[in-house]
Amino acid sequence: MKTYSNLKVIALLLVFLTSCNTNDFEETTVKTNLNYLTIKSANFKSELINDYAKILAISLSDEIKIAIKEEALKRFDGDYDILVSNFEEILIKNKSIKELLKENREDFVKNL
């Protein structure tokens, strides 16, 4: 009976030792790290978009509102989206919208 118990223990140990594969653990760790980096990257992009929106809100003047409306009415993709790269190049009072946003960005950073 004792030999039967010893054989059971040895068989269980062999099953446990051979079933664990270090590659499985490493793959899981890599996948988890990549998911974390993807989430962190998405959060960072989201924060940048929020900051840009706040700076744009600080910068809003009647001229910028009109420029936004005119760009949206172009409906380049069939919807009322605007291309930021085109929008930022519009001149208002001899300054591009991009320059106006940069000026207000400094004020935004000071108020953080």
C-alpha atoms as a PDB file:
ATOM      1  CA  MET A   1       0.000   0.000   0.000  1.00  0.00           C
ATOM      2  CA  LYS A   2       2.867   2.317   0.836  1.00  0.00           C
ATOM      3  CA  THR A   3       4.458   1.730  -2.591  1.00  0.00           C
ATOM      4  CA  TYR A   4       1.150   2.555  -4.231  1.00  0.00           C
ATOM      5  CA  SER A   5       1.040   5.916  -2.356  1.00  0.00           C
ATOM      6  CA  ASN A   6       4.637   6.659  -3.322  1.00  0.00           C
ATOM      7  CA  LEU A   7       3.850   5.942  -6.963  1.00  0.00           C
ATOM      8  CA  LYS A   8       0.847   8.266  -6.781  1.00  0.00           C
ATOM      9  CA  VAL A   9       2.996  11.051  -5.340  1.00  0.00           C
ATOM     10  CA  ILE A  10       5.709  10.552  -7.965  1.00  0.00           C
ATOM     11  CA  ALA A  11       3.134  10.460 -10.769  1.00  0.00           C
ATOM     12  CA  LEU A  12       1.520  13.680  -9.520  1.00  0.00           C
ATOM     13  CA  LEU A  13       4.895  15.387  -9.250  1.00  0.00           C
ATOM     14  CA  LEU A  14       5.775  14.352 -12.789  1.00  0.00           C
ATOM     15  CA  VAL A  15       2.463  15.662 -14.081  1.00  0.00           C
ATOM     16  CA  PHE A  16       2.907  19.004 -12.332  1.00  0.00           C
ATOM     17  CA  LEU A  17       6.529  19.395 -13.356  1.00  0.00           C
ATOM     18  CA  THR A  18       5.945  18.565 -17.000  1.00  0.00           C
ATOM     19  CA  SER A  19       2.708  20.479 -17.401  1.00  0.00           C
ATOM     20  CA  CYS A  20       4.208  23.844 -16.498  1.00  0.00           C
ATOM     21  CA  ASN A  21       5.991  25.451 -19.367  1.00  0.00           C
ATOM     22  CA  THR A  22       8.048  28.590 -18.814  1.00  0.00           C
ATOM     23  CA  ASN A  23       7.191  29.796 -22.315  1.00  0.00           C
ATOM     24  CA  ASP A  24       3.528  30.000 -21.338  1.00  0.00           C
ATOM     25  CA  PHE A  25       4.432  32.256 -18.445  1.00  0.00           C
ATOM     26  CA  GLU A  26       6.713  34.420 -20.598  1.00  0.00           C
ATOM     27  CA  GLU A  27       4.096  34.751 -23.353  1.00  0.00           C
ATOM     28  CA  THR A  28       1.464  35.750 -20.810  1.00  0.00           C
ATOM     29  CA  THR A  29       3.824  38.324 -19.299  1.00  0.00           C
ATOM     30  CA  VAL A  30       4.642  39.791 -22.715  1.00  0.00           C
ATOM     31  CA  LYS A  31       0.957  39.934 -23.699  1.00  0.00           C
ATOM     32  CA  THR A  32       0.074  41.569 -20.388  1.00  0.00           C
ATOM     33  CA  ASN A  33       2.854  44.146 -20.794  1.00  0.00           C
ATOM     34  CA  LEU A  34       1.771  44.914 -24.367  1.00  0.00           C
ATOM     35  CA  ASN A  35      -1.842  45.351 -23.241  1.00  0.00           C
ATOM     36  CA  TYR A  36      -0.682  47.658 -20.465  1.00  0.00           C
ATOM     37  CA  LEU A  37       1.388  49.718 -22.907  1.00  0.00           C
ATOM     38  CA  THR A  38      -1.515  49.889 -25.344  1.00  0.00           C
ATOM     39  CA  ILE A  39      -3.859  51.090 -22.599  1.00  0.00           C
ATOM     40  CA  LYS A  40      -1.259  53.556 -21.325  1.00  0.00           C
ATOM     41  CA  SER A  41      -0.721  54.840 -24.875  1.00  0.00           C
ATOM     42  CA  ALA A  42      -4.467  55.207 -25.399  1.00  0.00           C
ATOM     43  CA  ASN A  43      -4.796  57.083 -22.112  1.00  0.00           C
ATOM     44  CA  PHE A  44      -1.928  59.386 -23.107  1.00  0.00           C
ATOM     45  CA  LYS A  45      -3.560  60.120 -26.473  1.00  0.00           C
ATOM     46  CA  SER A  46      -6.840  60.783 -24.721  1.00  0.00           C
ATOM     47  CA  GLU A  47      -5.141  63.220 -22.348  1.00  0.00           C
ATOM     48  CA  LEU A  48      -3.528  65.047 -25.283  1.00  0.00           C
ATOM     49  CA  ILE A  49      -6.881  65.350 -27.029  1.00  0.00           C
ATOM     50  CA  ASN A  50      -8.486  66.677 -23.841  1.00  0.00           C
ATOM     51  CA  ASP A  51      -5.702  69.225 -23.384  1.00  0.00           C
ATOM     52  CA  TYR A  52      -6.011  70.330 -27.011  1.00  0.00           C
ATOM     53  CA  ALA A  53      -9.765  70.765 -26.567  1.00  0.00           C
ATOM     54  CA  LYS A  54      -9.232  72.864 -23.432  1.00  0.00           C
ATOM     55  CA  ILE A  55      -6.681  75.080 -25.174  1.00  0.00           C
ATOM     56  CA  LEU A  56      -9.043  75.484 -28.124  1.00  0.00           C
ATOM     57  CA  ALA A  57     -11.858  76.401 -25.732  1.00  0.00           C
ATOM     58  CA  ILE A  58      -9.656  79.049 -24.109  1.00  0.00           C
ATOM     59  CA  SER A  59      -8.770  80.400 -27.551  1.00  0.00           C
ATOM     60  CA  LEU A  60     -12.315  80.594 -28.924  1.00  0.00           C
ATOM     61  CA  SER A  61     -13.159  83.895 -30.472  1.00  0.00           C
ATOM     62  CA  ASP A  62     -15.836  84.760 -33.009  1.00  0.00           C
ATOM     63  CA  GLU A  63     -13.286  84.442 -35.822  1.00  0.00           C
ATOM     64  CA  ILE A  64     -12.221  80.946 -34.702  1.00  0.00           C
ATOM     65  CA  LYS A  65     -15.858  79.873 -34.337  1.00  0.00           C
ATOM     66  CA  ILE A  66     -16.541  81.002 -37.898  1.00  0.00           C
ATOM     67  CA  ALA A  67     -13.422  79.170 -39.134  1.00  0.00           C
ATOM     68  CA  ILE A  68     -14.549  75.968 -37.397  1.00  0.00           C
ATOM     69  CA  LYS A  69     -18.006  76.269 -38.956  1.00  0.00           C
ATOM     70  CA  GLU A  70     -16.589  76.902 -42.448  1.00  0.00           C
ATOM     71  CA  GLU A  71     -14.246  73.900 -42.171  1.00  0.00           C
ATOM     72  CA  ALA A  72     -17.064  71.673 -40.928  1.00  0.00           C
ATOM     73  CA  LEU A  73     -19.331  72.740 -43.795  1.00  0.00           C
ATOM     74  CA  LYS A  74     -16.724  71.496 -46.297  1.00  0.00           C
ATOM     75  CA  ARG A  75     -17.700  67.947 -45.232  1.00  0.00           C
ATOM     76  CA  PHE A  76     -14.522  66.453 -46.709  1.00  0.00           C
ATOM     77  CA  ASP A  77     -15.513  62.969 -45.475  1.00  0.00           C
ATOM     78  CA  GLY A  78     -19.266  63.319 -45.786  1.00  0.00           C
ATOM     79  CA  ASP A  79     -19.588  64.285 -42.140  1.00  0.00           C
ATOM     80  CA  TYR A  80     -18.986  67.514 -40.248  1.00  0.00           C
ATOM     81  CA  ASP A  81     -15.464  66.538 -39.163  1.00  0.00           C
ATOM     82  CA  ILE A  82     -12.578  68.926 -39.695  1.00  0.00           C
ATOM     83  CA  LEU A  83      -8.934  68.237 -40.429  1.00  0.00           C
ATOM     84  CA  VAL A  84      -6.910  69.835 -37.685  1.00  0.00           C
ATOM     85  CA  SER A  85      -3.891  70.259 -39.959  1.00  0.00           C
ATOM     86  CA  ASN A  86      -5.965  72.350 -42.408  1.00  0.00           C
ATOM     87  CA  PHE A  87      -7.798  74.168 -39.637  1.00  0.00           C
ATOM     88  CA  GLU A  88      -4.597  75.248 -37.867  1.00  0.00           C
ATOM     89  CA  GLU A  89      -3.264  76.887 -41.045  1.00  0.00           C
ATOM     90  CA  ILE A  90      -6.181  79.348 -41.351  1.00  0.00           C
ATOM     91  CA  LEU A  91      -5.063  82.931 -40.792  1.00  0.00           C
ATOM     92  CA  ILE A  92      -6.868  85.160 -38.332  1.00  0.00           C
ATOM     93  CA  LYS A  93      -5.543  88.691 -37.868  1.00  0.00           C
ATOM     94  CA  ASN A  94      -2.280  87.760 -39.648  1.00  0.00           C
ATOM     95  CA  LYS A  95      -1.678  84.800 -37.317  1.00  0.00           C
ATOM     96  CA  SER A  96      -2.427  81.174 -37.955  1.00  0.00           C
ATOM     97  CA  ILE A  97      -4.788  79.429 -35.587  1.00  0.00           C
ATOM     98  CA  LYS A  98      -1.847  77.203 -34.644  1.00  0.00           C
ATOM     99  CA  GLU A  99       0.101  80.263 -33.430  1.00  0.00           C
ATOM    100  CA  LEU A 100      -2.926  81.478 -31.453  1.00  0.00           C
ATOM    101  CA  LEU A 101      -3.252  78.064 -29.813  1.00  0.00           C
ATOM    102  CA  LYS A 102       0.451  78.049 -28.929  1.00  0.00           C
ATOM    103  CA  GLU A 103       0.080  81.413 -27.212  1.00  0.00           C
ATOM    104  CA  ASN A 104      -2.878  80.173 -25.193  1.00  0.00           C
ATOM    105  CA  ARG A 105      -1.118  76.891 -24.437  1.00  0.00           C
ATOM    106  CA  GLU A 106       1.402  78.808 -22.351  1.00  0.00           C
ATOM    107  CA  ASP A 107      -1.438  80.331 -20.328  1.00  0.00           C
ATOM    108  CA  PHE A 108      -3.028  76.891 -19.978  1.00  0.00           C
ATOM    109  CA  VAL A 109       0.208  75.349 -18.678  1.00  0.00           C
ATOM    110  CA  LYS A 110       0.666  78.162 -16.168  1.00  0.00           C
ATOM    111  CA  ASN A 111      -2.818  77.539 -14.758  1.00  0.00           C
ATOM    112  CA  LEU A 112      -2.289  73.795 -14.208  1.00  0.00           C
END
